[in-house]
Amino acid sequence: MKWLRRLTRHTATAVAAASLALATALTGATPAQAAPTGLTECSAEHHRGDRRLGPERLPVLGPVGLQLVGYSRTGHRSEEQFLATYYDQAGNTWRYPPKDGYLLTPSGDPVKWQQDLRTG
């Protein structure tokens, strides 16, 4: 398990370094200036002017930027397909899976349990 944690940490470091290098190359900034707020925060504008699709620009650096590596805003669907599948126009609300998305038993009850987690 330790090797997996080390691999994950090294991968995250490599991705961060690559993102920083790309940002530096694209902006022409020096490394001290390479992480302006715009690369670590979301934009205020909505994607294509539609609040349901989230911010126009998503972070590419910082903790959130690392979590978004490989992220697809609409799950590799067109925006129209995504909204038709997951948004209810009549109710002006999102469609959620039954039972909060839990895996269900044959009787239809959610599969859940409590578990103590180790420190660390």
PDB file of N, CA and C in Angstrom:
ATOM      1  N   MET A   1       0.799  -1.193   0.000  1.00  0.00           N
ATOM      2  CA  MET A   1       0.000   0.000   0.000  1.00  0.00           C
ATOM      3  C   MET A   1       0.850   1.268   0.000  1.00  0.00           C
ATOM      4  N   LYS A   2       2.031   1.186   0.679  1.00  0.00           N
ATOM      5  CA  LYS A   2       2.893   2.365   0.713  1.00  0.00           C
ATOM      6  C   LYS A   2       3.363   2.740  -0.682  1.00  0.00           C
ATOM      7  N   TRP A   3       3.639   1.741  -1.504  1.00  0.00           N
ATOM      8  CA  TRP A   3       4.098   2.031  -2.866  1.00  0.00           C
ATOM      9  C   TRP A   3       3.018   2.756  -3.645  1.00  0.00           C
ATOM     10  N   LEU A   4       1.741   2.412  -3.395  1.00  0.00           N
ATOM     11  CA  LEU A   4       0.643   3.070  -4.100  1.00  0.00           C
ATOM     12  C   LEU A   4       0.548   4.533  -3.675  1.00  0.00           C
ATOM     13  N   ARG A   5       0.706   4.788  -2.380  1.00  0.00           N
ATOM     14  CA  ARG A   5       0.676   6.170  -1.910  1.00  0.00           C
ATOM     15  C   ARG A   5       1.832   6.969  -2.500  1.00  0.00           C
ATOM     16  N   ARG A   6       3.028   6.340  -2.535  1.00  0.00           N
ATOM     17  CA  ARG A   6       4.185   7.016  -3.124  1.00  0.00           C
ATOM     18  C   ARG A   6       3.952   7.310  -4.597  1.00  0.00           C
ATOM     19  N   LEU A   7       3.411   6.317  -5.324  1.00  0.00           N
ATOM     20  CA  LEU A   7       3.134   6.494  -6.747  1.00  0.00           C
ATOM     21  C   LEU A   7       2.128   7.616  -6.960  1.00  0.00           C
ATOM     22  N   THR A   8       1.072   7.635  -6.147  1.00  0.00           N
ATOM     23  CA  THR A   8       0.051   8.677  -6.260  1.00  0.00           C
ATOM     24  C   THR A   8       0.654  10.050  -5.994  1.00  0.00           C
ATOM     25  N   ARG A   9       1.490  10.144  -4.953  1.00  0.00           N
ATOM     26  CA  ARG A   9       2.112  11.423  -4.613  1.00  0.00           C
ATOM     27  C   ARG A   9       3.028  11.890  -5.743  1.00  0.00           C
ATOM     28  N   HIS A  10       3.831  10.970  -6.297  1.00  0.00           N
ATOM     29  CA  HIS A  10       4.742  11.336  -7.388  1.00  0.00           C
ATOM     30  C   HIS A  10       3.970  11.712  -8.648  1.00  0.00           C
ATOM     31  N   THR A  11       2.880  11.005  -8.915  1.00  0.00           N
ATOM     32  CA  THR A  11       2.057  11.321 -10.084  1.00  0.00           C
ATOM     33  C   THR A  11       1.446  12.708  -9.935  1.00  0.00           C
ATOM     34  N   ALA A  12       0.916  13.006  -8.746  1.00  0.00           N
ATOM     35  CA  ALA A  12       0.323  14.325  -8.507  1.00  0.00           C
ATOM     36  C   ALA A  12       1.372  15.421  -8.659  1.00  0.00           C
ATOM     37  N   THR A  13       2.577  15.173  -8.156  1.00  0.00           N
ATOM     38  CA  THR A  13       3.658  16.149  -8.289  1.00  0.00           C
ATOM     39  C   THR A  13       4.026  16.362  -9.751  1.00  0.00           C
ATOM     40  N   ALA A  14       4.093  15.270 -10.508  1.00  0.00           N
ATOM     41  CA  ALA A  14       4.435  15.376 -11.930  1.00  0.00           C
ATOM     42  C   ALA A  14       3.359  16.139 -12.694  1.00  0.00           C
ATOM     43  N   VAL A  15       2.099  15.872 -12.384  1.00  0.00           N
ATOM     44  CA  VAL A  15       0.998  16.571 -13.057  1.00  0.00           C
ATOM     45  C   VAL A  15       1.045  18.057 -12.714  1.00  0.00           C
ATOM     46  N   ALA A  16       1.297  18.378 -11.446  1.00  0.00           N
ATOM     47  CA  ALA A  16       1.381  19.784 -11.043  1.00  0.00           C
ATOM     48  C   ALA A  16       2.532  20.483 -11.760  1.00  0.00           C
ATOM     49  N   ALA A  17       3.670  19.810 -11.842  1.00  0.00           N
ATOM     50  CA  ALA A  17       4.823  20.401 -12.528  1.00  0.00           C
ATOM     51  C   ALA A  17       4.533  20.605 -14.009  1.00  0.00           C
ATOM     52  N   ALA A  18       3.877  19.630 -14.631  1.00  0.00           N
ATOM     53  CA  ALA A  18       3.535  19.756 -16.051  1.00  0.00           C
ATOM     54  C   ALA A  18       2.544  20.895 -16.263  1.00  0.00           C
ATOM     55  N   SER A  19       1.561  21.019 -15.367  1.00  0.00           N
ATOM     56  CA  SER A  19       0.588  22.106 -15.470  1.00  0.00           C
ATOM     57  C   SER A  19       1.271  23.455 -15.325  1.00  0.00           C
ATOM     58  N   LEU A  20       2.191  23.545 -14.375  1.00  0.00           N
ATOM     59  CA  LEU A  20       2.921  24.792 -14.169  1.00  0.00           C
ATOM     60  C   LEU A  20       3.769  25.130 -15.386  1.00  0.00           C
ATOM     61  N   ALA A  21       4.428  24.122 -15.948  1.00  0.00           N
ATOM     62  CA  ALA A  21       5.247  24.350 -17.144  1.00  0.00           C
ATOM     63  C   ALA A  21       4.383  24.811 -18.308  1.00  0.00           C
ATOM     64  N   LEU A  22       3.221  24.194 -18.480  1.00  0.00           N
ATOM     65  CA  LEU A  22       2.313  24.580 -19.556  1.00  0.00           C
ATOM     66  C   LEU A  22       1.811  26.001 -19.341  1.00  0.00           C
ATOM     67  N   ALA A  23       1.431  26.319 -18.103  1.00  0.00           N
ATOM     68  CA  ALA A  23       0.945  27.668 -17.810  1.00  0.00           C
ATOM     69  C   ALA A  23       2.032  28.698 -18.074  1.00  0.00           C
ATOM     70  N   THR A  24       3.250  28.371 -17.690  1.00  0.00           N
ATOM     71  CA  THR A  24       4.374  29.276 -17.929  1.00  0.00           C
ATOM     72  C   THR A  24       4.593  29.475 -19.418  1.00  0.00           C
ATOM     73  N   ALA A  25       4.546  28.384 -20.178  1.00  0.00           N
ATOM     74  CA  ALA A  25       4.756  28.475 -21.625  1.00  0.00           C
ATOM     75  C   ALA A  25       3.647  29.274 -22.295  1.00  0.00           C
ATOM     76  N   LEU A  26       2.407  29.071 -21.852  1.00  0.00           N
ATOM     77  CA  LEU A  26       1.276  29.752 -22.489  1.00  0.00           C
ATOM     78  C   LEU A  26       1.209  31.230 -22.135  1.00  0.00           C
ATOM     79  N   THR A  27       1.574  31.567 -20.901  1.00  0.00           N
ATOM     80  CA  THR A  27       1.453  32.961 -20.479  1.00  0.00           C
ATOM     81  C   THR A  27       2.743  33.736 -20.633  1.00  0.00           C
ATOM     82  N   GLY A  28       3.857  33.034 -20.819  1.00  0.00           N
ATOM     83  CA  GLY A  28       5.145  33.700 -20.915  1.00  0.00           C
ATOM     84  C   GLY A  28       5.614  34.242 -19.580  1.00  0.00           C
ATOM     85  N   ALA A  29       4.997  33.789 -18.496  1.00  0.00           N
ATOM     86  CA  ALA A  29       5.348  34.284 -17.165  1.00  0.00           C
ATOM     87  C   ALA A  29       6.567  33.556 -16.629  1.00  0.00           C
ATOM     88  N   THR A  30       7.214  34.196 -15.695  1.00  0.00           N
ATOM     89  CA  THR A  30       8.308  33.522 -15.003  1.00  0.00           C
ATOM     90  C   THR A  30       7.688  32.606 -13.958  1.00  0.00           C
ATOM     91  N   PRO A  31       8.418  31.600 -13.465  1.00  0.00           N
ATOM     92  CA  PRO A  31       7.846  30.685 -12.483  1.00  0.00           C
ATOM     93  C   PRO A  31       7.240  31.386 -11.276  1.00  0.00           C
ATOM     94  N   ALA A  32       7.813  32.493 -10.819  1.00  0.00           N
ATOM     95  CA  ALA A  32       7.258  33.201  -9.668  1.00  0.00           C
ATOM     96  C   ALA A  32       5.888  33.783  -9.987  1.00  0.00           C
ATOM     97  N   GLN A  33       5.610  34.027 -11.272  1.00  0.00           N
ATOM     98  CA  GLN A  33       4.333  34.604 -11.673  1.00  0.00           C
ATOM     99  C   GLN A  33       3.427  33.570 -12.336  1.00  0.00           C
ATOM    100  N   ALA A  34       3.824  32.324 -12.384  1.00  0.00           N
ATOM    101  CA  ALA A  34       3.144  31.346 -13.221  1.00  0.00           C
ATOM    102  C   ALA A  34       1.816  30.853 -12.675  1.00  0.00           C
ATOM    103  N   ALA A  35       1.473  31.153 -11.450  1.00  0.00           N
ATOM    104  CA  ALA A  35       0.215  30.653 -10.908  1.00  0.00           C
ATOM    105  C   ALA A  35      -0.705  31.801 -10.512  1.00  0.00           C
ATOM    106  N   PRO A  36      -1.113  32.629 -11.484  1.00  0.00           N
ATOM    107  CA  PRO A  36      -2.033  33.708 -11.140  1.00  0.00           C
ATOM    108  C   PRO A  36      -3.367  33.124 -10.699  1.00  0.00           C
ATOM    109  N   THR A  37      -4.153  33.942 -10.039  1.00  0.00           N
ATOM    110  CA  THR A  37      -5.430  33.500  -9.507  1.00  0.00           C
ATOM    111  C   THR A  37      -6.274  32.808 -10.562  1.00  0.00           C
ATOM    112  N   GLY A  38      -6.228  33.264 -11.800  1.00  0.00           N
ATOM    113  CA  GLY A  38      -7.059  32.692 -12.854  1.00  0.00           C
ATOM    114  C   GLY A  38      -6.797  31.223 -13.124  1.00  0.00           C
ATOM    115  N   LEU A  39      -5.636  30.709 -12.751  1.00  0.00           N
ATOM    116  CA  LEU A  39      -5.330  29.300 -12.999  1.00  0.00           C
ATOM    117  C   LEU A  39      -5.662  28.408 -11.813  1.00  0.00           C
ATOM    118  N   THR A  40      -5.974  29.021 -10.657  1.00  0.00           N
ATOM    119  CA  THR A  40      -6.275  28.229  -9.469  1.00  0.00           C
ATOM    120  C   THR A  40      -7.714  28.389  -8.998  1.00  0.00           C
ATOM    121  N   GLU A  41      -8.481  29.207  -9.691  1.00  0.00           N
ATOM    122  CA  GLU A  41      -9.869  29.445  -9.292  1.00  0.00           C
ATOM    123  C   GLU A  41     -10.793  29.360 -10.494  1.00  0.00           C
ATOM    124  N   CYS A  42     -12.075  29.166 -10.213  1.00  0.00           N
ATOM    125  CA  CYS A  42     -13.095  29.140 -11.268  1.00  0.00           C
ATOM    126  C   CYS A  42     -13.399  30.568 -11.713  1.00  0.00           C
ATOM    127  N   SER A  43     -13.861  30.703 -12.932  1.00  0.00           N
ATOM    128  CA  SER A  43     -14.294  32.015 -13.407  1.00  0.00           C
ATOM    129  C   SER A  43     -15.697  32.299 -12.881  1.00  0.00           C
ATOM    130  N   ALA A  44     -16.077  33.573 -12.871  1.00  0.00           N
ATOM    131  CA  ALA A  44     -17.418  33.954 -12.432  1.00  0.00           C
ATOM    132  C   ALA A  44     -18.455  33.693 -13.525  1.00  0.00           C
ATOM    133  N   GLU A  45     -18.016  33.685 -14.786  1.00  0.00           N
ATOM    134  CA  GLU A  45     -18.942  33.478 -15.899  1.00  0.00           C
ATOM    135  C   GLU A  45     -19.353  32.006 -15.977  1.00  0.00           C
ATOM    136  N   HIS A  46     -20.578  31.772 -16.417  1.00  0.00           N
ATOM    137  CA  HIS A  46     -21.065  30.401 -16.604  1.00  0.00           C
ATOM    138  C   HIS A  46     -20.673  29.881 -17.985  1.00  0.00           C
ATOM    139  N   HIS A  47     -20.455  28.581 -18.086  1.00  0.00           N
ATOM    140  CA  HIS A  47     -20.097  27.953 -19.362  1.00  0.00           C
ATOM    141  C   HIS A  47     -21.242  28.146 -20.353  1.00  0.00           C
ATOM    142  N   ARG A  48     -20.927  28.756 -21.484  1.00  0.00           N
ATOM    143  CA  ARG A  48     -21.907  29.074 -22.530  1.00  0.00           C
ATOM    144  C   ARG A  48     -23.107  29.853 -21.988  1.00  0.00           C
ATOM    145  N   GLY A  49     -22.897  30.593 -20.897  1.00  0.00           N
ATOM    146  CA  GLY A  49     -23.958  31.403 -20.312  1.00  0.00           C
ATOM    147  C   GLY A  49     -25.026  30.602 -19.587  1.00  0.00           C
ATOM    148  N   ASP A  50     -24.807  29.316 -19.351  1.00  0.00           N
ATOM    149  CA  ASP A  50     -25.801  28.434 -18.726  1.00  0.00           C
ATOM    150  C   ASP A  50     -25.306  28.007 -17.346  1.00  0.00           C
ATOM    151  N   ARG A  51     -25.954  28.497 -16.292  1.00  0.00           N
ATOM    152  CA  ARG A  51     -25.518  28.206 -14.925  1.00  0.00           C
ATOM    153  C   ARG A  51     -25.497  26.718 -14.620  1.00  0.00           C
ATOM    154  N   ARG A  52     -26.320  25.932 -15.317  1.00  0.00           N
ATOM    155  CA  ARG A  52     -26.375  24.486 -15.061  1.00  0.00           C
ATOM    156  C   ARG A  52     -25.089  23.780 -15.465  1.00  0.00           C
ATOM    157  N   LEU A  53     -24.297  24.402 -16.331  1.00  0.00           N
ATOM    158  CA  LEU A  53     -23.065  23.775 -16.811  1.00  0.00           C
ATOM    159  C   LEU A  53     -21.827  24.218 -16.032  1.00  0.00           C
ATOM    160  N   GLY A  54     -22.027  25.032 -15.004  1.00  0.00           N
ATOM    161  CA  GLY A  54     -20.910  25.426 -14.151  1.00  0.00           C
ATOM    162  C   GLY A  54     -20.104  26.578 -14.710  1.00  0.00           C
ATOM    163  N   PRO A  55     -18.957  26.845 -14.098  1.00  0.00           N
ATOM    164  CA  PRO A  55     -18.124  27.974 -14.504  1.00  0.00           C
ATOM    165  C   PRO A  55     -17.533  27.786 -15.900  1.00  0.00           C
ATOM    166  N   GLU A  56     -17.317  28.890 -16.581  1.00  0.00           N
ATOM    167  CA  GLU A  56     -16.697  28.842 -17.913  1.00  0.00           C
ATOM    168  C   GLU A  56     -15.291  28.256 -17.833  1.00  0.00           C
ATOM    169  N   ARG A  57     -14.486  28.781 -16.920  1.00  0.00           N
ATOM    170  CA  ARG A  57     -13.113  28.277 -16.748  1.00  0.00           C
ATOM    171  C   ARG A  57     -12.998  27.568 -15.414  1.00  0.00           C
ATOM    172  N   LEU A  58     -12.397  26.388 -15.450  1.00  0.00           N
ATOM    173  CA  LEU A  58     -12.144  25.628 -14.232  1.00  0.00           C
ATOM    174  C   LEU A  58     -10.658  25.719 -13.894  1.00  0.00           C
ATOM    175  N   PRO A  59     -10.286  25.548 -12.631  1.00  0.00           N
ATOM    176  CA  PRO A  59      -8.873  25.620 -12.256  1.00  0.00           C
ATOM    177  C   PRO A  59      -8.053  24.537 -12.948  1.00  0.00           C
ATOM    178  N   VAL A  60      -6.818  24.875 -13.294  1.00  0.00           N
ATOM    179  CA  VAL A  60      -5.897  23.885 -13.862  1.00  0.00           C
ATOM    180  C   VAL A  60      -4.702  23.668 -12.936  1.00  0.00           C
ATOM    181  N   LEU A  61      -4.544  24.537 -11.947  1.00  0.00           N
ATOM    182  CA  LEU A  61      -3.463  24.408 -10.967  1.00  0.00           C
ATOM    183  C   LEU A  61      -4.052  24.403  -9.565  1.00  0.00           C
ATOM    184  N   GLY A  62      -3.223  24.103  -8.597  1.00  0.00           N
ATOM    185  CA  GLY A  62      -3.666  24.091  -7.208  1.00  0.00           C
ATOM    186  C   GLY A  62      -4.388  22.800  -6.876  1.00  0.00           C
ATOM    187  N   PRO A  63      -4.877  22.686  -5.647  1.00  0.00           N
ATOM    188  CA  PRO A  63      -5.503  21.439  -5.204  1.00  0.00           C
ATOM    189  C   PRO A  63      -6.714  21.041  -6.050  1.00  0.00           C
ATOM    190  N   VAL A  64      -7.554  22.003  -6.398  1.00  0.00           N
ATOM    191  CA  VAL A  64      -8.741  21.671  -7.198  1.00  0.00           C
ATOM    192  C   VAL A  64      -8.345  21.321  -8.623  1.00  0.00           C
ATOM    193  N   GLY A  65      -7.398  22.045  -9.180  1.00  0.00           N
ATOM    194  CA  GLY A  65      -6.926  21.737 -10.527  1.00  0.00           C
ATOM    195  C   GLY A  65      -6.430  20.312 -10.641  1.00  0.00           C
ATOM    196  N   LEU A  66      -5.699  19.838  -9.622  1.00  0.00           N
ATOM    197  CA  LEU A  66      -5.211  18.452  -9.633  1.00  0.00           C
ATOM    198  C   LEU A  66      -6.365  17.455  -9.593  1.00  0.00           C
ATOM    199  N   GLN A  67      -7.429  17.780  -8.864  1.00  0.00           N
ATOM    200  CA  GLN A  67      -8.587  16.884  -8.791  1.00  0.00           C
ATOM    201  C   GLN A  67      -9.342  16.835 -10.116  1.00  0.00           C
ATOM    202  N   LEU A  68      -9.191  17.863 -10.928  1.00  0.00           N
ATOM    203  CA  LEU A  68      -9.935  17.935 -12.187  1.00  0.00           C
ATOM    204  C   LEU A  68      -9.179  17.364 -13.382  1.00  0.00           C
ATOM    205  N   VAL A  69      -7.978  16.823 -13.165  1.00  0.00           N
ATOM    206  CA  VAL A  69      -7.231  16.213 -14.269  1.00  0.00           C
ATOM    207  C   VAL A  69      -8.075  15.070 -14.836  1.00  0.00           C
ATOM    208  N   GLY A  70      -8.364  15.124 -16.126  1.00  0.00           N
ATOM    209  CA  GLY A  70      -9.176  14.095 -16.774  1.00  0.00           C
ATOM    210  C   GLY A  70     -10.677  14.315 -16.642  1.00  0.00           C
ATOM    211  N   TYR A  71     -11.093  15.402 -15.992  1.00  0.00           N
ATOM    212  CA  TYR A  71     -12.513  15.686 -15.772  1.00  0.00           C
ATOM    213  C   TYR A  71     -13.203  16.047 -17.081  1.00  0.00           C
ATOM    214  N   SER A  72     -14.416  15.563 -17.251  1.00  0.00           N
ATOM    215  CA  SER A  72     -15.249  15.920 -18.398  1.00  0.00           C
ATOM    216  C   SER A  72     -16.532  16.548 -17.865  1.00  0.00           C
ATOM    217  N   ARG A  73     -16.776  17.778 -18.225  1.00  0.00           N
ATOM    218  CA  ARG A  73     -17.917  18.538 -17.700  1.00  0.00           C
ATOM    219  C   ARG A  73     -19.245  17.798 -17.869  1.00  0.00           C
ATOM    220  N   THR A  74     -19.426  17.144 -18.985  1.00  0.00           N
ATOM    221  CA  THR A  74     -20.711  16.486 -19.273  1.00  0.00           C
ATOM    222  C   THR A  74     -20.571  14.974 -19.402  1.00  0.00           C
ATOM    223  N   GLY A  75     -19.518  14.421 -18.865  1.00  0.00           N
ATOM    224  CA  GLY A  75     -19.349  12.968 -18.925  1.00  0.00           C
ATOM    225  C   GLY A  75     -19.213  12.451 -20.342  1.00  0.00           C
ATOM    226  N   HIS A  76     -18.543  13.196 -21.202  1.00  0.00           N
ATOM    227  CA  HIS A  76     -18.309  12.833 -22.608  1.00  0.00           C
ATOM    228  C   HIS A  76     -19.609  12.747 -23.409  1.00  0.00           C
ATOM    229  N   ARG A  77     -20.633  13.466 -22.958  1.00  0.00           N
ATOM    230  CA  ARG A  77     -21.870  13.611 -23.731  1.00  0.00           C
ATOM    231  C   ARG A  77     -21.891  15.035 -24.273  1.00  0.00           C
ATOM    232  N   SER A  78     -22.734  15.259 -25.277  1.00  0.00           N
ATOM    233  CA  SER A  78     -22.916  16.646 -25.711  1.00  0.00           C
ATOM    234  C   SER A  78     -23.660  17.376 -24.590  1.00  0.00           C
ATOM    235  N   GLU A  79     -23.567  18.680 -24.566  1.00  0.00           N
ATOM    236  CA  GLU A  79     -24.268  19.441 -23.530  1.00  0.00           C
ATOM    237  C   GLU A  79     -25.769  19.198 -23.605  1.00  0.00           C
ATOM    238  N   GLU A  80     -26.293  19.076 -24.823  1.00  0.00           N
ATOM    239  CA  GLU A  80     -27.721  18.824 -25.000  1.00  0.00           C
ATOM    240  C   GLU A  80     -28.109  17.459 -24.430  1.00  0.00           C
ATOM    241  N   GLN A  81     -27.313  16.422 -24.716  1.00  0.00           N
ATOM    242  CA  GLN A  81     -27.598  15.083 -24.186  1.00  0.00           C
ATOM    243  C   GLN A  81     -27.512  15.074 -22.658  1.00  0.00           C
ATOM    244  N   PHE A  82     -26.499  15.726 -22.122  1.00  0.00           N
ATOM    245  CA  PHE A  82     -26.311  15.771 -20.670  1.00  0.00           C
ATOM    246  C   PHE A  82     -27.526  16.400 -19.992  1.00  0.00           C
ATOM    247  N   LEU A  83     -27.943  17.572 -20.483  1.00  0.00           N
ATOM    248  CA  LEU A  83     -29.074  18.263 -19.863  1.00  0.00           C
ATOM    249  C   LEU A  83     -30.382  17.504 -20.067  1.00  0.00           C
ATOM    250  N   ALA A  84     -30.568  16.882 -21.231  1.00  0.00           N
ATOM    251  CA  ALA A  84     -31.788  16.100 -21.472  1.00  0.00           C
ATOM    252  C   ALA A  84     -31.861  14.900 -20.527  1.00  0.00           C
ATOM    253  N   THR A  85     -30.710  14.337 -20.189  1.00  0.00           N
ATOM    254  CA  THR A  85     -30.672  13.163 -19.317  1.00  0.00           C
ATOM    255  C   THR A  85     -30.817  13.531 -17.846  1.00  0.00           C
ATOM    256  N   TYR A  86     -30.147  14.583 -17.406  1.00  0.00           N
ATOM    257  CA  TYR A  86     -30.042  14.852 -15.969  1.00  0.00           C
ATOM    258  C   TYR A  86     -30.786  16.089 -15.471  1.00  0.00           C
ATOM    259  N   TYR A  87     -31.411  16.854 -16.367  1.00  0.00           N
ATOM    260  CA  TYR A  87     -32.110  18.058 -15.923  1.00  0.00           C
ATOM    261  C   TYR A  87     -33.568  18.005 -16.338  1.00  0.00           C
ATOM    262  N   ASP A  88     -34.460  18.283 -15.390  1.00  0.00           N
ATOM    263  CA  ASP A  88     -35.903  18.286 -15.643  1.00  0.00           C
ATOM    264  C   ASP A  88     -36.347  19.728 -15.886  1.00  0.00           C
ATOM    265  N   GLN A  89     -36.598  20.061 -17.161  1.00  0.00           N
ATOM    266  CA  GLN A  89     -36.991  21.433 -17.523  1.00  0.00           C
ATOM    267  C   GLN A  89     -38.293  21.840 -16.835  1.00  0.00           C
ATOM    268  N   ALA A  90     -39.284  20.926 -16.816  1.00  0.00           N
ATOM    269  CA  ALA A  90     -40.596  21.252 -16.254  1.00  0.00           C
ATOM    270  C   ALA A  90     -40.493  21.590 -14.763  1.00  0.00           C
ATOM    271  N   GLY A  91     -39.706  20.826 -14.039  1.00  0.00           N
ATOM    272  CA  GLY A  91     -39.560  21.055 -12.608  1.00  0.00           C
ATOM    273  C   GLY A  91     -38.448  22.024 -12.258  1.00  0.00           C
ATOM    274  N   ASN A  92     -37.669  22.444 -13.269  1.00  0.00           N
ATOM    275  CA  ASN A  92     -36.532  23.336 -13.072  1.00  0.00           C
ATOM    276  C   ASN A  92     -35.601  22.800 -11.977  1.00  0.00           C
ATOM    277  N   THR A  93     -35.289  21.489 -12.084  1.00  0.00           N
ATOM    278  CA  THR A  93     -34.459  20.828 -11.079  1.00  0.00           C
ATOM    279  C   THR A  93     -33.671  19.684 -11.703  1.00  0.00           C
ATOM    280  N   TRP A  94     -32.669  19.211 -10.989  1.00  0.00           N
ATOM    281  CA  TRP A  94     -31.879  18.069 -11.452  1.00  0.00           C
ATOM    282  C   TRP A  94     -32.616  16.772 -11.175  1.00  0.00           C
ATOM    283  N   ARG A  95     -32.371  15.773 -12.006  1.00  0.00           N
ATOM    284  CA  ARG A  95     -32.906  14.425 -11.782  1.00  0.00           C
ATOM    285  C   ARG A  95     -31.873  13.646 -10.974  1.00  0.00           C
ATOM    286  N   TYR A  96     -32.269  13.148  -9.828  1.00  0.00           N
ATOM    287  CA  TYR A  96     -31.372  12.368  -8.981  1.00  0.00           C
ATOM    288  C   TYR A  96     -31.765  10.898  -9.041  1.00  0.00           C
ATOM    289  N   PRO A  97     -30.795   9.995  -8.853  1.00  0.00           N
ATOM    290  CA  PRO A  97     -31.131   8.571  -8.878  1.00  0.00           C
ATOM    291  C   PRO A  97     -31.974   8.195  -7.660  1.00  0.00           C
ATOM    292  N   PRO A  98     -32.766   7.127  -7.775  1.00  0.00           N
ATOM    293  CA  PRO A  98     -33.573   6.697  -6.629  1.00  0.00           C
ATOM    294  C   PRO A  98     -32.681   6.290  -5.454  1.00  0.00           C
ATOM    295  N   LYS A  99     -33.201   6.448  -4.260  1.00  0.00           N
ATOM    296  CA  LYS A  99     -32.501   6.053  -3.025  1.00  0.00           C
ATOM    297  C   LYS A  99     -31.121   6.708  -2.927  1.00  0.00           C
ATOM    298  N   ASP A 100     -31.023   7.957  -3.380  1.00  0.00           N
ATOM    299  CA  ASP A 100     -29.778   8.736  -3.305  1.00  0.00           C
ATOM    300  C   ASP A 100     -28.602   8.085  -4.018  1.00  0.00           C
ATOM    301  N   GLY A 101     -28.866   7.204  -4.969  1.00  0.00           N
ATOM    302  CA  GLY A 101     -27.803   6.596  -5.756  1.00  0.00           C
ATOM    303  C   GLY A 101     -27.111   5.416  -5.103  1.00  0.00           C
ATOM    304  N   TYR A 102     -27.625   4.949  -3.964  1.00  0.00           N
ATOM    305  CA  TYR A 102     -27.012   3.789  -3.309  1.00  0.00           C
ATOM    306  C   TYR A 102     -27.243   2.524  -4.122  1.00  0.00           C
ATOM    307  N   LEU A 103     -26.329   1.583  -3.984  1.00  0.00           N
ATOM    308  CA  LEU A 103     -26.529   0.236  -4.500  1.00  0.00           C
ATOM    309  C   LEU A 103     -27.691  -0.357  -3.716  1.00  0.00           C
ATOM    310  N   LEU A 104     -28.614  -1.048  -4.405  1.00  0.00           N
ATOM    311  CA  LEU A 104     -29.812  -1.561  -3.735  1.00  0.00           C
ATOM    312  C   LEU A 104     -29.760  -3.075  -3.562  1.00  0.00           C
ATOM    313  N   THR A 105     -30.354  -3.536  -2.463  1.00  0.00           N
ATOM    314  CA  THR A 105     -30.511  -4.975  -2.236  1.00  0.00           C
ATOM    315  C   THR A 105     -31.647  -5.469  -3.125  1.00  0.00           C
ATOM    316  N   PRO A 106     -31.829  -6.786  -3.263  1.00  0.00           N
ATOM    317  CA  PRO A 106     -32.955  -7.291  -4.062  1.00  0.00           C
ATOM    318  C   PRO A 106     -34.316  -6.779  -3.582  1.00  0.00           C
ATOM    319  N   SER A 107     -34.424  -6.449  -2.290  1.00  0.00           N
ATOM    320  CA  SER A 107     -35.697  -5.930  -1.773  1.00  0.00           C
ATOM    321  C   SER A 107     -35.854  -4.430  -1.998  1.00  0.00           C
ATOM    322  N   GLY A 108     -34.833  -3.784  -2.576  1.00  0.00           N
ATOM    323  CA  GLY A 108     -34.931  -2.362  -2.899  1.00  0.00           C
ATOM    324  C   GLY A 108     -34.407  -1.426  -1.828  1.00  0.00           C
ATOM    325  N   ASP A 109     -33.806  -1.973  -0.768  1.00  0.00           N
ATOM    326  CA  ASP A 109     -33.240  -1.138   0.289  1.00  0.00           C
ATOM    327  C   ASP A 109     -31.795  -0.772  -0.048  1.00  0.00           C
ATOM    328  N   PRO A 110     -31.375   0.448   0.326  1.00  0.00           N
ATOM    329  CA  PRO A 110     -29.985   0.833   0.068  1.00  0.00           C
ATOM    330  C   PRO A 110     -29.006  -0.037   0.858  1.00  0.00           C
ATOM    331  N   VAL A 111     -27.889  -0.375   0.236  1.00  0.00           N
ATOM    332  CA  VAL A 111     -26.823  -1.106   0.918  1.00  0.00           C
ATOM    333  C   VAL A 111     -25.943  -0.067   1.600  1.00  0.00           C
ATOM    334  N   LYS A 112     -26.000  -0.006   2.925  1.00  0.00           N
ATOM    335  CA  LYS A 112     -25.162   0.922   3.665  1.00  0.00           C
ATOM    336  C   LYS A 112     -24.762   0.286   4.992  1.00  0.00           C
ATOM    337  N   TRP A 113     -23.649   0.747   5.524  1.00  0.00           N
ATOM    338  CA  TRP A 113     -23.186   0.281   6.824  1.00  0.00           C
ATOM    339  C   TRP A 113     -22.274   1.335   7.418  1.00  0.00           C
ATOM    340  N   GLN A 114     -22.096   1.247   8.726  1.00  0.00           N
ATOM    341  CA  GLN A 114     -21.164   2.141   9.402  1.00  0.00           C
ATOM    342  C   GLN A 114     -19.828   1.443   9.508  1.00  0.00           C
ATOM    343  N   GLN A 115     -18.770   2.205   9.395  1.00  0.00           N
ATOM    344  CA  GLN A 115     -17.434   1.637   9.463  1.00  0.00           C
ATOM    345  C   GLN A 115     -16.511   2.636  10.137  1.00  0.00           C
ATOM    346  N   ASP A 116     -15.719   2.151  11.068  1.00  0.00           N
ATOM    347  CA  ASP A 116     -14.718   2.996  11.714  1.00  0.00           C
ATOM    348  C   ASP A 116     -13.497   3.090  10.812  1.00  0.00           C
ATOM    349  N   LEU A 117     -12.983   4.285  10.649  1.00  0.00           N
ATOM    350  CA  LEU A 117     -11.795   4.498   9.828  1.00  0.00           C
ATOM    351  C   LEU A 117     -10.580   4.695  10.725  1.00  0.00           C
ATOM    352  N   ARG A 118      -9.464   4.172  10.274  1.00  0.00           N
ATOM    353  CA  ARG A 118      -8.217   4.341  11.013  1.00  0.00           C
ATOM    354  C   ARG A 118      -7.696   5.763  10.837  1.00  0.00           C
ATOM    355  N   THR A 119      -6.999   6.234  11.821  1.00  0.00           N
ATOM    356  CA  THR A 119      -6.375   7.552  11.743  1.00  0.00           C
ATOM    357  C   THR A 119      -5.270   7.533  10.701  1.00  0.00           C
ATOM    358  N   GLY A 120      -5.197   8.601   9.915  1.00  0.00           N
ATOM    359  CA  GLY A 120      -4.102   8.704   8.954  1.00  0.00           C
ATOM    360  C   GLY A 120      -4.472   8.617   7.600  1.00  0.00           C
TER     361      GLY A 120
END
